[in-house]
Amino acid sequence: MSYFKITLIRSGIGMTKRQNGVLASLGLRKRMQTVYHRVSPDVAGKIMKVKELVAVSEPERAEIHKRCQPPCGFVVEA
């Protein structure tokens, strides 16, 4: 399955309430924050509404695997 890697490059300060709502629905709050979303038409539409504020790329499979993989084993605290 393909993913979008979306990074907020410019702040949403001074943008319309609608654009700030789109950023919030994508899960972006702070500059340089990165989120991953599956490729779908609704996410692509949201990206198009804030295309001036974000950078979008398609991550490598290893990066997706590393992000989605749960931590292995357990930790013993003394």
N, C-alpha and C. Protein backbone atom coordinates (compact mmCIF):
# COMPACT_ATOMS: atom_id res chain seq x y z
N MET A 1 0.84 -1.18 0.00
CA MET A 1 0.00 0.00 0.00
C MET A 1 0.89 1.24 0.00
N SER A 2 0.53 2.24 -0.77
CA SER A 2 1.30 3.47 -0.88
C SER A 2 0.87 4.47 0.18
N TYR A 3 1.82 5.32 0.54
CA TYR A 3 1.58 6.35 1.55
C TYR A 3 2.06 7.69 1.04
N PHE A 4 1.48 8.76 1.58
CA PHE A 4 1.98 10.11 1.40
C PHE A 4 2.78 10.47 2.65
N LYS A 5 3.94 11.06 2.46
CA LYS A 5 4.70 11.63 3.57
C LYS A 5 4.49 13.14 3.47
N ILE A 6 3.76 13.71 4.43
CA ILE A 6 3.36 15.12 4.38
C ILE A 6 4.08 15.86 5.49
N THR A 7 4.83 16.91 5.13
CA THR A 7 5.56 17.73 6.09
C THR A 7 5.06 19.16 6.00
N LEU A 8 4.73 19.75 7.14
CA LEU A 8 4.29 21.14 7.18
C LEU A 8 5.52 22.04 7.11
N ILE A 9 5.68 22.78 6.02
CA ILE A 9 6.84 23.63 5.79
C ILE A 9 6.58 25.05 6.28
N ARG A 10 5.40 25.58 5.98
CA ARG A 10 5.05 26.94 6.37
C ARG A 10 3.91 26.89 7.38
N SER A 11 3.90 27.84 8.29
CA SER A 11 2.90 27.89 9.34
C SER A 11 1.53 28.25 8.78
N GLY A 12 0.49 27.86 9.49
CA GLY A 12 -0.87 28.19 9.10
C GLY A 12 -1.35 29.52 9.65
N ILE A 13 -0.48 30.26 10.33
CA ILE A 13 -0.85 31.56 10.88
C ILE A 13 -1.20 32.50 9.73
N GLY A 14 -2.32 33.18 9.85
CA GLY A 14 -2.76 34.11 8.82
C GLY A 14 -3.56 33.47 7.71
N MET A 15 -3.70 32.16 7.73
CA MET A 15 -4.49 31.48 6.71
C MET A 15 -5.96 31.47 7.13
N THR A 16 -6.82 31.11 6.22
CA THR A 16 -8.25 31.09 6.51
C THR A 16 -8.57 29.95 7.49
N LYS A 17 -9.74 30.05 8.11
CA LYS A 17 -10.17 29.00 9.04
C LYS A 17 -10.29 27.66 8.31
N ARG A 18 -10.69 27.73 7.06
CA ARG A 18 -10.85 26.50 6.28
C ARG A 18 -9.50 25.81 6.08
N GLN A 19 -8.46 26.58 5.72
CA GLN A 19 -7.14 25.99 5.52
C GLN A 19 -6.58 25.46 6.84
N ASN A 20 -6.79 26.19 7.94
CA ASN A 20 -6.33 25.70 9.23
C ASN A 20 -7.08 24.43 9.64
N GLY A 21 -8.35 24.34 9.27
CA GLY A 21 -9.11 23.12 9.53
C GLY A 21 -8.59 21.93 8.74
N VAL A 22 -8.17 22.18 7.51
CA VAL A 22 -7.60 21.11 6.69
C VAL A 22 -6.29 20.63 7.30
N LEU A 23 -5.45 21.57 7.75
CA LEU A 23 -4.19 21.19 8.40
C LEU A 23 -4.46 20.34 9.64
N ALA A 24 -5.46 20.74 10.43
CA ALA A 24 -5.80 19.98 11.63
C ALA A 24 -6.31 18.59 11.26
N SER A 25 -7.10 18.48 10.20
CA SER A 25 -7.63 17.17 9.81
C SER A 25 -6.53 16.25 9.28
N LEU A 26 -5.46 16.84 8.75
CA LEU A 26 -4.31 16.04 8.32
C LEU A 26 -3.42 15.66 9.51
N GLY A 27 -3.64 16.29 10.66
CA GLY A 27 -2.83 15.99 11.84
C GLY A 27 -1.58 16.85 11.94
N LEU A 28 -1.56 17.97 11.23
CA LEU A 28 -0.39 18.85 11.24
C LEU A 28 -0.65 20.05 12.15
N ARG A 29 0.22 20.25 13.15
CA ARG A 29 0.05 21.36 14.08
C ARG A 29 1.26 22.28 14.09
N LYS A 30 2.46 21.72 14.01
CA LYS A 30 3.69 22.51 14.13
C LYS A 30 4.50 22.44 12.85
N ARG A 31 5.31 23.47 12.62
CA ARG A 31 6.19 23.47 11.46
C ARG A 31 7.16 22.30 11.55
N MET A 32 7.51 21.77 10.40
CA MET A 32 8.44 20.64 10.25
C MET A 32 7.91 19.34 10.86
N GLN A 33 6.63 19.29 11.18
CA GLN A 33 6.02 18.05 11.64
C GLN A 33 5.69 17.19 10.43
N THR A 34 5.93 15.90 10.53
CA THR A 34 5.68 14.98 9.42
C THR A 34 4.64 13.95 9.82
N VAL A 35 3.70 13.71 8.93
CA VAL A 35 2.68 12.67 9.14
C VAL A 35 2.62 11.79 7.89
N TYR A 36 2.11 10.59 8.06
CA TYR A 36 1.95 9.64 6.95
C TYR A 36 0.47 9.33 6.80
N HIS A 37 -0.02 9.37 5.57
CA HIS A 37 -1.40 9.01 5.27
C HIS A 37 -1.40 8.09 4.06
N ARG A 38 -2.32 7.15 4.04
CA ARG A 38 -2.47 6.29 2.87
C ARG A 38 -2.94 7.11 1.68
N VAL A 39 -2.52 6.71 0.51
CA VAL A 39 -2.92 7.40 -0.71
C VAL A 39 -4.41 7.15 -0.95
N SER A 40 -5.17 8.24 -0.99
CA SER A 40 -6.60 8.16 -1.28
C SER A 40 -7.05 9.50 -1.86
N PRO A 41 -8.17 9.51 -2.56
CA PRO A 41 -8.63 10.75 -3.17
C PRO A 41 -8.95 11.86 -2.16
N ASP A 42 -9.50 11.50 -0.99
CA ASP A 42 -9.82 12.55 -0.03
C ASP A 42 -8.57 13.18 0.58
N VAL A 43 -7.54 12.40 0.84
CA VAL A 43 -6.28 12.96 1.35
C VAL A 43 -5.62 13.80 0.27
N ALA A 44 -5.68 13.36 -0.98
CA ALA A 44 -5.11 14.14 -2.08
C ALA A 44 -5.83 15.48 -2.21
N GLY A 45 -7.14 15.50 -2.02
CA GLY A 45 -7.89 16.75 -2.07
C GLY A 45 -7.50 17.70 -0.96
N LYS A 46 -7.28 17.16 0.25
CA LYS A 46 -6.85 17.99 1.37
C LYS A 46 -5.47 18.57 1.11
N ILE A 47 -4.59 17.77 0.55
CA ILE A 47 -3.24 18.25 0.23
C ILE A 47 -3.32 19.39 -0.79
N MET A 48 -4.19 19.26 -1.78
CA MET A 48 -4.32 20.31 -2.79
C MET A 48 -4.82 21.62 -2.20
N LYS A 49 -5.61 21.56 -1.14
CA LYS A 49 -6.12 22.79 -0.52
C LYS A 49 -5.04 23.55 0.24
N VAL A 50 -3.99 22.85 0.68
CA VAL A 50 -2.92 23.52 1.44
C VAL A 50 -1.56 23.28 0.79
N LYS A 51 -1.55 23.15 -0.53
CA LYS A 51 -0.32 22.79 -1.25
C LYS A 51 0.80 23.80 -1.08
N GLU A 52 0.48 25.07 -0.76
CA GLU A 52 1.51 26.08 -0.57
C GLU A 52 2.22 25.94 0.78
N LEU A 53 1.61 25.20 1.69
CA LEU A 53 2.14 25.11 3.05
C LEU A 53 2.86 23.80 3.34
N VAL A 54 2.68 22.80 2.51
CA VAL A 54 3.22 21.47 2.81
C VAL A 54 4.15 20.97 1.71
N ALA A 55 4.98 20.01 2.09
CA ALA A 55 5.82 19.28 1.13
C ALA A 55 5.35 17.83 1.17
N VAL A 56 5.16 17.25 0.00
CA VAL A 56 4.63 15.89 -0.09
C VAL A 56 5.60 15.02 -0.86
N SER A 57 5.83 13.81 -0.35
CA SER A 57 6.67 12.85 -1.06
C SER A 57 6.13 11.46 -0.79
N GLU A 58 6.65 10.51 -1.53
CA GLU A 58 6.29 9.11 -1.31
C GLU A 58 7.48 8.44 -0.64
N PRO A 59 7.33 8.00 0.61
CA PRO A 59 8.46 7.43 1.34
C PRO A 59 8.87 6.06 0.81
N GLU A 60 10.10 5.68 1.13
CA GLU A 60 10.61 4.35 0.77
C GLU A 60 9.91 3.29 1.61
N ARG A 61 9.89 2.07 1.10
CA ARG A 61 9.25 0.98 1.83
C ARG A 61 9.91 0.73 3.18
N ALA A 62 11.22 0.85 3.25
CA ALA A 62 11.93 0.61 4.51
C ALA A 62 11.52 1.64 5.56
N GLU A 63 11.32 2.88 5.14
CA GLU A 63 10.91 3.93 6.07
C GLU A 63 9.51 3.66 6.61
N ILE A 64 8.62 3.21 5.75
CA ILE A 64 7.26 2.88 6.19
C ILE A 64 7.30 1.69 7.14
N HIS A 65 8.08 0.68 6.80
CA HIS A 65 8.19 -0.51 7.64
C HIS A 65 8.74 -0.15 9.02
N LYS A 66 9.75 0.69 9.06
CA LYS A 66 10.35 1.10 10.32
C LYS A 66 9.35 1.88 11.17
N ARG A 67 8.56 2.72 10.54
CA ARG A 67 7.59 3.53 11.27
C ARG A 67 6.44 2.69 11.81
N CYS A 68 5.99 1.70 11.05
CA CYS A 68 4.83 0.91 11.42
C CYS A 68 5.15 -0.29 12.31
N GLN A 69 6.42 -0.64 12.41
CA GLN A 69 6.80 -1.83 13.17
C GLN A 69 6.75 -1.53 14.67
N PRO A 70 6.07 -2.36 15.46
CA PRO A 70 6.03 -2.14 16.90
C PRO A 70 7.39 -2.45 17.53
N PRO A 71 7.67 -1.87 18.69
CA PRO A 71 8.95 -2.18 19.35
C PRO A 71 9.00 -3.65 19.72
N CYS A 72 10.14 -4.28 19.50
CA CYS A 72 10.25 -5.71 19.76
C CYS A 72 10.61 -5.97 21.22
N GLY A 73 10.14 -7.07 21.72
CA GLY A 73 10.48 -7.50 23.07
C GLY A 73 9.82 -6.67 24.15
N PHE A 74 10.49 -6.67 25.30
CA PHE A 74 9.98 -5.91 26.43
C PHE A 74 11.16 -5.31 27.17
N VAL A 75 10.87 -4.39 28.07
CA VAL A 75 11.91 -3.69 28.81
C VAL A 75 11.73 -4.01 30.28
N VAL A 76 12.81 -4.42 30.94
CA VAL A 76 12.79 -4.70 32.37
C VAL A 76 13.33 -3.47 33.09
N GLU A 77 12.50 -2.89 33.94
CA GLU A 77 12.92 -1.72 34.70
C GLU A 77 13.28 -2.17 36.11
N ALA A 78 14.42 -1.72 36.57
CA ALA A 78 14.87 -2.12 37.91
C ALA A 78 14.39 -1.19 38.98
